[in-house]
Amino acid sequence: MVDLEDPELTVEDRHHLATVLRLRDGDEMTISDGLGRWQPCRFGATIEPCGDPVLVPTPTLEVGVGFALIKGDRPELVVQKLTEMGVDRIVPLTAERSVVRWDAEKATRQFRRLERVAREASMQSRRVRLPVVESVAPFGSVADAPGVALAESGGGPVDLARPMLLVGPEGGWAAGELSDRPRVGLGPTVLRAETAAMVAGALLTALRDGGG
């Protein structure tokens, strides 16, 4: 993601374009500012615009997915796929039954990593508006906001009246977390936590974008 008025590639981006994608001087490419604008350009020692900037309208409704922390590199997979789908807000959570918990140092390090994953996934999917990836948040700070529902077996259908869905840990939500909060179901089978987060994102974006 670059400044359209003064386009300059990072070392990593230039390496990817030249070595992985094998672009040569004069080849056409597109650049984006990550805020909804893109522009056709030509690759080379300097990036030369060859067309006018294009503004992609903001979504009719922003949708989001929060997911309880999971082991290994699965948070990165979730962020990558939610970004590709077009989810606008992604929030890692700590829930009562979360096995994974990050200390302050790891949370900062992982947040930066997840932001990079979202950026790379946006580039791969040609998404011109970066999602907001938030730092890890306690359950209550997200669950009690307006327009939020919990993914839970037996819940009602997903709808855009509650465009922020939260997915619990492998052990499920605790009784106190469920309480009287709105719930939606993600299908008849039991899903792994990362799969449930992706399904939540797919359902929300399909409804928002007219595919539901």
C-alpha atoms as a PDB file:
ATOM      1  CA  MET A   1       0.000   0.000   0.000  1.00  0.00           C
ATOM      2  CA  VAL A   2       1.586   3.240  -1.137  1.00  0.00           C
ATOM      3  CA  ASP A   3       1.075   6.972  -1.460  1.00  0.00           C
ATOM      4  CA  LEU A   4      -0.569   7.458  -4.864  1.00  0.00           C
ATOM      5  CA  GLU A   5       0.823  10.990  -5.154  1.00  0.00           C
ATOM      6  CA  ASP A   6       4.390   9.823  -4.562  1.00  0.00           C
ATOM      7  CA  PRO A   7       4.478   6.060  -5.201  1.00  0.00           C
ATOM      8  CA  GLU A   8       7.477   4.264  -3.766  1.00  0.00           C
ATOM      9  CA  LEU A   9       7.790   0.537  -3.150  1.00  0.00           C
ATOM     10  CA  THR A  10       9.308  -1.018  -0.060  1.00  0.00           C
ATOM     11  CA  VAL A  11      12.307  -3.285  -0.563  1.00  0.00           C
ATOM     12  CA  GLU A  12      10.133  -6.306   0.208  1.00  0.00           C
ATOM     13  CA  ASP A  13       7.406  -5.294  -2.256  1.00  0.00           C
ATOM     14  CA  ARG A  14       9.898  -4.601  -5.022  1.00  0.00           C
ATOM     15  CA  HIS A  15      11.558  -7.979  -4.435  1.00  0.00           C
ATOM     16  CA  HIS A  16       8.179  -9.733  -4.570  1.00  0.00           C
ATOM     17  CA  LEU A  17       7.181  -8.008  -7.805  1.00  0.00           C
ATOM     18  CA  ALA A  18      10.522  -8.497  -9.554  1.00  0.00           C
ATOM     19  CA  THR A  19      11.534 -11.926  -8.263  1.00  0.00           C
ATOM     20  CA  VAL A  20       8.302 -13.753  -7.464  1.00  0.00           C
ATOM     21  CA  LEU A  21       5.922 -12.196 -10.000  1.00  0.00           C
ATOM     22  CA  ARG A  22       8.774 -11.559 -12.470  1.00  0.00           C
ATOM     23  CA  LEU A  23       7.687  -8.090 -13.534  1.00  0.00           C
ATOM     24  CA  ARG A  24      10.019  -6.288 -15.914  1.00  0.00           C
ATOM     25  CA  ASP A  25      10.520  -2.582 -16.532  1.00  0.00           C
ATOM     26  CA  GLY A  26       7.479  -1.211 -18.328  1.00  0.00           C
ATOM     27  CA  ASP A  27       5.102  -3.980 -17.211  1.00  0.00           C
ATOM     28  CA  GLU A  28       1.718  -2.751 -16.038  1.00  0.00           C
ATOM     29  CA  MET A  29       0.734  -3.074 -12.383  1.00  0.00           C
ATOM     30  CA  THR A  30      -1.657  -1.424  -9.973  1.00  0.00           C
ATOM     31  CA  ILE A  31      -0.928   0.335  -6.695  1.00  0.00           C
ATOM     32  CA  SER A  32      -3.288   1.142  -3.846  1.00  0.00           C
ATOM     33  CA  ASP A  33      -3.235   3.380  -0.810  1.00  0.00           C
ATOM     34  CA  GLY A  34      -5.141   0.836   1.303  1.00  0.00           C
ATOM     35  CA  LEU A  35      -7.875   3.405   1.886  1.00  0.00           C
ATOM     36  CA  GLY A  36      -9.993   2.619  -1.165  1.00  0.00           C
ATOM     37  CA  ARG A  37      -8.033   4.179  -4.034  1.00  0.00           C
ATOM     38  CA  TRP A  38      -5.990   2.412  -6.707  1.00  0.00           C
ATOM     39  CA  GLN A  39      -4.120   3.497  -9.815  1.00  0.00           C
ATOM     40  CA  PRO A  40      -2.615   1.771 -12.872  1.00  0.00           C
ATOM     41  CA  CYS A  41       1.168   2.187 -13.140  1.00  0.00           C
ATOM     42  CA  ARG A  42       4.229   0.828 -14.895  1.00  0.00           C
ATOM     43  CA  PHE A  43       6.905  -1.056 -13.017  1.00  0.00           C
ATOM     44  CA  GLY A  44      10.500   0.153 -13.095  1.00  0.00           C
ATOM     45  CA  ALA A  45      13.199   1.881 -11.098  1.00  0.00           C
ATOM     46  CA  THR A  46      10.502   4.463 -10.438  1.00  0.00           C
ATOM     47  CA  ILE A  47       6.803   3.703 -10.441  1.00  0.00           C
ATOM     48  CA  GLU A  48       5.159   5.684 -13.238  1.00  0.00           C
ATOM     49  CA  PRO A  49       1.382   6.256 -13.192  1.00  0.00           C
ATOM     50  CA  CYS A  50      -0.261   5.402 -16.526  1.00  0.00           C
ATOM     51  CA  GLY A  51      -3.857   6.171 -15.649  1.00  0.00           C
ATOM     52  CA  ASP A  52      -6.057   8.137 -13.299  1.00  0.00           C
ATOM     53  CA  PRO A  53      -6.690   7.114  -9.676  1.00  0.00           C
ATOM     54  CA  VAL A  54      -9.902   5.170  -9.095  1.00  0.00           C
ATOM     55  CA  LEU A  55     -11.899   5.419  -5.867  1.00  0.00           C
ATOM     56  CA  VAL A  56     -13.747   2.274  -4.786  1.00  0.00           C
ATOM     57  CA  PRO A  57     -16.844   3.199  -2.737  1.00  0.00           C
ATOM     58  CA  THR A  58     -16.935   2.205   0.909  1.00  0.00           C
ATOM     59  CA  PRO A  59     -19.042  -0.884   1.699  1.00  0.00           C
ATOM     60  CA  THR A  60     -22.731  -0.347   2.296  1.00  0.00           C
ATOM     61  CA  LEU A  61     -22.176  -1.814   5.776  1.00  0.00           C
ATOM     62  CA  GLU A  62     -19.019  -2.714   7.638  1.00  0.00           C
ATOM     63  CA  VAL A  63     -18.904  -6.294   8.916  1.00  0.00           C
ATOM     64  CA  GLY A  64     -16.568  -7.751  11.511  1.00  0.00           C
ATOM     65  CA  VAL A  65     -15.457 -10.991  13.116  1.00  0.00           C
ATOM     66  CA  GLY A  66     -13.941 -11.453  16.548  1.00  0.00           C
ATOM     67  CA  PHE A  67     -12.291 -14.766  17.413  1.00  0.00           C
ATOM     68  CA  ALA A  68     -10.922 -16.192  20.639  1.00  0.00           C
ATOM     69  CA  LEU A  69      -7.166 -16.753  20.552  1.00  0.00           C
ATOM     70  CA  ILE A  70      -6.133 -20.120  19.124  1.00  0.00           C
ATOM     71  CA  LYS A  71      -2.861 -22.039  19.046  1.00  0.00           C
ATOM     72  CA  GLY A  72       0.049 -21.877  16.659  1.00  0.00           C
ATOM     73  CA  ASP A  73      -0.192 -19.948  13.419  1.00  0.00           C
ATOM     74  CA  ARG A  74      -3.949 -20.375  13.115  1.00  0.00           C
ATOM     75  CA  PRO A  75      -4.668 -16.720  14.024  1.00  0.00           C
ATOM     76  CA  GLU A  76      -2.629 -15.745  10.963  1.00  0.00           C
ATOM     77  CA  LEU A  77      -4.690 -18.095   8.783  1.00  0.00           C
ATOM     78  CA  VAL A  78      -7.926 -16.603  10.113  1.00  0.00           C
ATOM     79  CA  VAL A  79      -6.787 -13.026   9.478  1.00  0.00           C
ATOM     80  CA  GLN A  80      -5.554 -13.937   6.002  1.00  0.00           C
ATOM     81  CA  LYS A  81      -8.844 -15.528   4.946  1.00  0.00           C
ATOM     82  CA  LEU A  82     -11.083 -12.904   6.547  1.00  0.00           C
ATOM     83  CA  THR A  83      -9.099 -10.238   4.701  1.00  0.00           C
ATOM     84  CA  GLU A  84      -9.497 -12.054   1.384  1.00  0.00           C
ATOM     85  CA  MET A  85     -13.258 -12.306   1.969  1.00  0.00           C
ATOM     86  CA  GLY A  86     -13.656  -8.578   2.559  1.00  0.00           C
ATOM     87  CA  VAL A  87     -14.292  -8.480   6.309  1.00  0.00           C
ATOM     88  CA  ASP A  88     -13.771  -4.904   7.532  1.00  0.00           C
ATOM     89  CA  ARG A  89     -12.909  -5.416  11.204  1.00  0.00           C
ATOM     90  CA  ILE A  90     -10.993  -8.308  12.771  1.00  0.00           C
ATOM     91  CA  VAL A  91     -10.607  -8.621  16.550  1.00  0.00           C
ATOM     92  CA  PRO A  92      -8.636 -11.318  18.436  1.00  0.00           C
ATOM     93  CA  LEU A  93     -10.283 -11.962  21.819  1.00  0.00           C
ATOM     94  CA  THR A  94      -9.550 -13.466  25.205  1.00  0.00           C
ATOM     95  CA  ALA A  95     -12.464 -15.543  26.472  1.00  0.00           C
ATOM     96  CA  GLU A  96     -12.978 -17.302  29.793  1.00  0.00           C
ATOM     97  CA  ARG A  97     -12.127 -20.721  28.331  1.00  0.00           C
ATOM     98  CA  SER A  98      -9.287 -19.519  26.115  1.00  0.00           C
ATOM     99  CA  VAL A  99      -6.296 -21.821  26.415  1.00  0.00           C
ATOM    100  CA  VAL A 100      -4.041 -19.377  24.576  1.00  0.00           C
ATOM    101  CA  ARG A 101      -3.195 -16.132  26.348  1.00  0.00           C
ATOM    102  CA  TRP A 102      -0.635 -13.570  25.218  1.00  0.00           C
ATOM    103  CA  ASP A 103       1.381 -11.436  27.590  1.00  0.00           C
ATOM    104  CA  ALA A 104       1.826  -7.767  26.711  1.00  0.00           C
ATOM    105  CA  GLU A 105       5.051  -8.301  24.774  1.00  0.00           C
ATOM    106  CA  LYS A 106       3.688 -11.190  22.729  1.00  0.00           C
ATOM    107  CA  ALA A 107       0.405  -9.375  22.115  1.00  0.00           C
ATOM    108  CA  THR A 108       2.294  -6.426  20.632  1.00  0.00           C
ATOM    109  CA  ARG A 109       4.457  -8.689  18.501  1.00  0.00           C
ATOM    110  CA  GLN A 110       1.499 -10.734  17.272  1.00  0.00           C
ATOM    111  CA  PHE A 111      -0.554  -7.627  16.529  1.00  0.00           C
ATOM    112  CA  ARG A 112       2.169  -6.364  14.218  1.00  0.00           C
ATOM    113  CA  ARG A 113       2.395  -9.779  12.593  1.00  0.00           C
ATOM    114  CA  LEU A 114      -1.368  -9.932  12.001  1.00  0.00           C
ATOM    115  CA  GLU A 115      -1.317  -6.456  10.474  1.00  0.00           C
ATOM    116  CA  ARG A 116       1.373  -7.632   8.036  1.00  0.00           C
ATOM    117  CA  VAL A 117      -0.661 -10.721   7.213  1.00  0.00           C
ATOM    118  CA  ALA A 118      -3.701  -8.534   6.444  1.00  0.00           C
ATOM    119  CA  ARG A 119      -1.615  -6.262   4.230  1.00  0.00           C
ATOM    120  CA  GLU A 120      -0.122  -9.188   2.293  1.00  0.00           C
ATOM    121  CA  ALA A 121      -3.555 -10.807   1.909  1.00  0.00           C
ATOM    122  CA  SER A 122      -4.979  -7.516   0.644  1.00  0.00           C
ATOM    123  CA  MET A 123      -2.264  -7.318  -1.985  1.00  0.00           C
ATOM    124  CA  GLN A 124      -2.770 -10.930  -3.058  1.00  0.00           C
ATOM    125  CA  SER A 125      -6.556 -10.523  -3.323  1.00  0.00           C
ATOM    126  CA  ARG A 126      -6.315  -7.037  -4.873  1.00  0.00           C
ATOM    127  CA  ARG A 127      -8.307  -5.572  -2.045  1.00  0.00           C
ATOM    128  CA  VAL A 128      -7.877  -1.790  -2.045  1.00  0.00           C
ATOM    129  CA  ARG A 129      -9.264  -1.072   1.416  1.00  0.00           C
ATOM    130  CA  LEU A 130      -7.323  -2.628   4.290  1.00  0.00           C
ATOM    131  CA  PRO A 131      -9.304  -4.187   7.130  1.00  0.00           C
ATOM    132  CA  VAL A 132      -8.908  -2.857  10.640  1.00  0.00           C
ATOM    133  CA  VAL A 133      -7.040  -5.478  12.670  1.00  0.00           C
ATOM    134  CA  GLU A 134      -7.320  -4.668  16.344  1.00  0.00           C
ATOM    135  CA  SER A 135      -5.027  -5.679  19.165  1.00  0.00           C
ATOM    136  CA  VAL A 136      -6.216  -8.489  21.399  1.00  0.00           C
ATOM    137  CA  ALA A 137      -9.231  -7.400  23.447  1.00  0.00           C
ATOM    138  CA  PRO A 138     -11.101  -8.794  26.473  1.00  0.00           C
ATOM    139  CA  PHE A 139     -14.403 -10.441  25.603  1.00  0.00           C
ATOM    140  CA  GLY A 140     -16.655  -7.966  27.387  1.00  0.00           C
ATOM    141  CA  SER A 141     -15.221  -4.901  25.675  1.00  0.00           C
ATOM    142  CA  VAL A 142     -16.369  -6.271  22.318  1.00  0.00           C
ATOM    143  CA  ALA A 143     -19.398  -8.401  23.225  1.00  0.00           C
ATOM    144  CA  ASP A 144     -21.299  -5.575  24.913  1.00  0.00           C
ATOM    145  CA  ALA A 145     -21.100  -3.208  21.945  1.00  0.00           C
ATOM    146  CA  PRO A 146     -24.178  -2.651  19.751  1.00  0.00           C
ATOM    147  CA  GLY A 147     -24.670  -4.933  16.752  1.00  0.00           C
ATOM    148  CA  VAL A 148     -22.765  -7.917  18.171  1.00  0.00           C
ATOM    149  CA  ALA A 149     -23.854 -11.569  18.288  1.00  0.00           C
ATOM    150  CA  LEU A 150     -22.128 -14.724  19.510  1.00  0.00           C
ATOM    151  CA  ALA A 151     -21.675 -17.733  17.242  1.00  0.00           C
ATOM    152  CA  GLU A 152     -23.323 -20.600  19.108  1.00  0.00           C
ATOM    153  CA  SER A 153     -24.939 -23.865  18.070  1.00  0.00           C
ATOM    154  CA  GLY A 154     -28.730 -23.550  17.992  1.00  0.00           C
ATOM    155  CA  GLY A 155     -28.690 -19.790  17.498  1.00  0.00           C
ATOM    156  CA  GLY A 156     -30.747 -17.946  14.924  1.00  0.00           C
ATOM    157  CA  PRO A 157     -29.695 -17.168  11.341  1.00  0.00           C
ATOM    158  CA  VAL A 158     -26.934 -14.719  10.553  1.00  0.00           C
ATOM    159  CA  ASP A 159     -28.302 -11.338   9.519  1.00  0.00           C
ATOM    160  CA  LEU A 160     -26.963  -7.853   9.042  1.00  0.00           C
ATOM    161  CA  ALA A 161     -28.840  -6.455  12.012  1.00  0.00           C
ATOM    162  CA  ARG A 162     -25.833  -7.752  13.959  1.00  0.00           C
ATOM    163  CA  PRO A 163     -22.866  -7.305  11.620  1.00  0.00           C
ATOM    164  CA  MET A 164     -20.206  -8.259  14.199  1.00  0.00           C
ATOM    165  CA  LEU A 165     -19.961 -11.968  15.030  1.00  0.00           C
ATOM    166  CA  LEU A 166     -17.800 -13.385  17.800  1.00  0.00           C
ATOM    167  CA  VAL A 167     -16.426 -16.929  17.689  1.00  0.00           C
ATOM    168  CA  GLY A 168     -15.450 -18.632  20.931  1.00  0.00           C
ATOM    169  CA  PRO A 169     -12.540 -20.916  21.840  1.00  0.00           C
ATOM    170  CA  GLU A 170     -12.453 -24.662  21.195  1.00  0.00           C
ATOM    171  CA  GLY A 171     -14.091 -25.243  24.573  1.00  0.00           C
ATOM    172  CA  GLY A 172     -16.990 -22.942  23.735  1.00  0.00           C
ATOM    173  CA  TRP A 173     -18.367 -19.906  25.506  1.00  0.00           C
ATOM    174  CA  ALA A 174     -18.764 -19.967  29.281  1.00  0.00           C
ATOM    175  CA  ALA A 175     -22.304 -19.661  30.671  1.00  0.00           C
ATOM    176  CA  GLY A 176     -21.603 -16.158  31.914  1.00  0.00           C
ATOM    177  CA  GLU A 177     -20.443 -15.064  28.475  1.00  0.00           C
ATOM    178  CA  LEU A 178     -23.529 -16.450  26.771  1.00  0.00           C
ATOM    179  CA  SER A 179     -25.864 -14.936  29.352  1.00  0.00           C
ATOM    180  CA  ASP A 180     -28.728 -13.277  27.478  1.00  0.00           C
ATOM    181  CA  ARG A 181     -26.577 -12.070  24.580  1.00  0.00           C
ATOM    182  CA  PRO A 182     -27.815 -12.575  20.996  1.00  0.00           C
ATOM    183  CA  ARG A 183     -26.674 -15.832  19.372  1.00  0.00           C
ATOM    184  CA  VAL A 184     -26.439 -17.018  15.783  1.00  0.00           C
ATOM    185  CA  GLY A 185     -25.776 -20.483  14.392  1.00  0.00           C
ATOM    186  CA  LEU A 186     -23.170 -21.281  11.749  1.00  0.00           C
ATOM    187  CA  GLY A 187     -24.612 -24.577  10.572  1.00  0.00           C
ATOM    188  CA  PRO A 188     -25.505 -28.069  11.809  1.00  0.00           C
ATOM    189  CA  THR A 189     -21.971 -29.383  12.376  1.00  0.00           C
ATOM    190  CA  VAL A 190     -19.362 -28.681  15.035  1.00  0.00           C
ATOM    191  CA  LEU A 191     -16.639 -26.483  13.564  1.00  0.00           C
ATOM    192  CA  ARG A 192     -13.074 -25.902  14.647  1.00  0.00           C
ATOM    193  CA  ALA A 193     -12.559 -22.404  15.987  1.00  0.00           C
ATOM    194  CA  GLU A 194     -10.656 -21.164  12.932  1.00  0.00           C
ATOM    195  CA  THR A 195     -13.216 -22.704  10.561  1.00  0.00           C
ATOM    196  CA  ALA A 196     -16.068 -21.056  12.461  1.00  0.00           C
ATOM    197  CA  ALA A 197     -14.379 -17.652  12.165  1.00  0.00           C
ATOM    198  CA  MET A 198     -14.018 -18.087   8.408  1.00  0.00           C
ATOM    199  CA  VAL A 199     -17.626 -19.248   8.026  1.00  0.00           C
ATOM    200  CA  ALA A 200     -18.804 -16.229  10.008  1.00  0.00           C
ATOM    201  CA  GLY A 201     -16.853 -13.932   7.699  1.00  0.00           C
ATOM    202  CA  ALA A 202     -18.117 -15.660   4.562  1.00  0.00           C
ATOM    203  CA  LEU A 203     -21.764 -15.460   5.642  1.00  0.00           C
ATOM    204  CA  LEU A 204     -21.551 -11.807   6.629  1.00  0.00           C
ATOM    205  CA  THR A 205     -19.790 -10.667   3.469  1.00  0.00           C
ATOM    206  CA  ALA A 206     -22.124 -12.718   1.267  1.00  0.00           C
ATOM    207  CA  LEU A 207     -25.149 -11.087   2.856  1.00  0.00           C
ATOM    208  CA  ARG A 208     -23.597  -7.634   2.687  1.00  0.00           C
ATOM    209  CA  ASP A 209     -22.467  -7.967  -0.907  1.00  0.00           C
ATOM    210  CA  GLY A 210     -25.685  -9.483  -2.192  1.00  0.00           C
ATOM    211  CA  GLY A 211     -24.683 -13.112  -2.369  1.00  0.00           C
ATOM    212  CA  GLY A 212     -26.882 -14.340   0.460  1.00  0.00           C
END
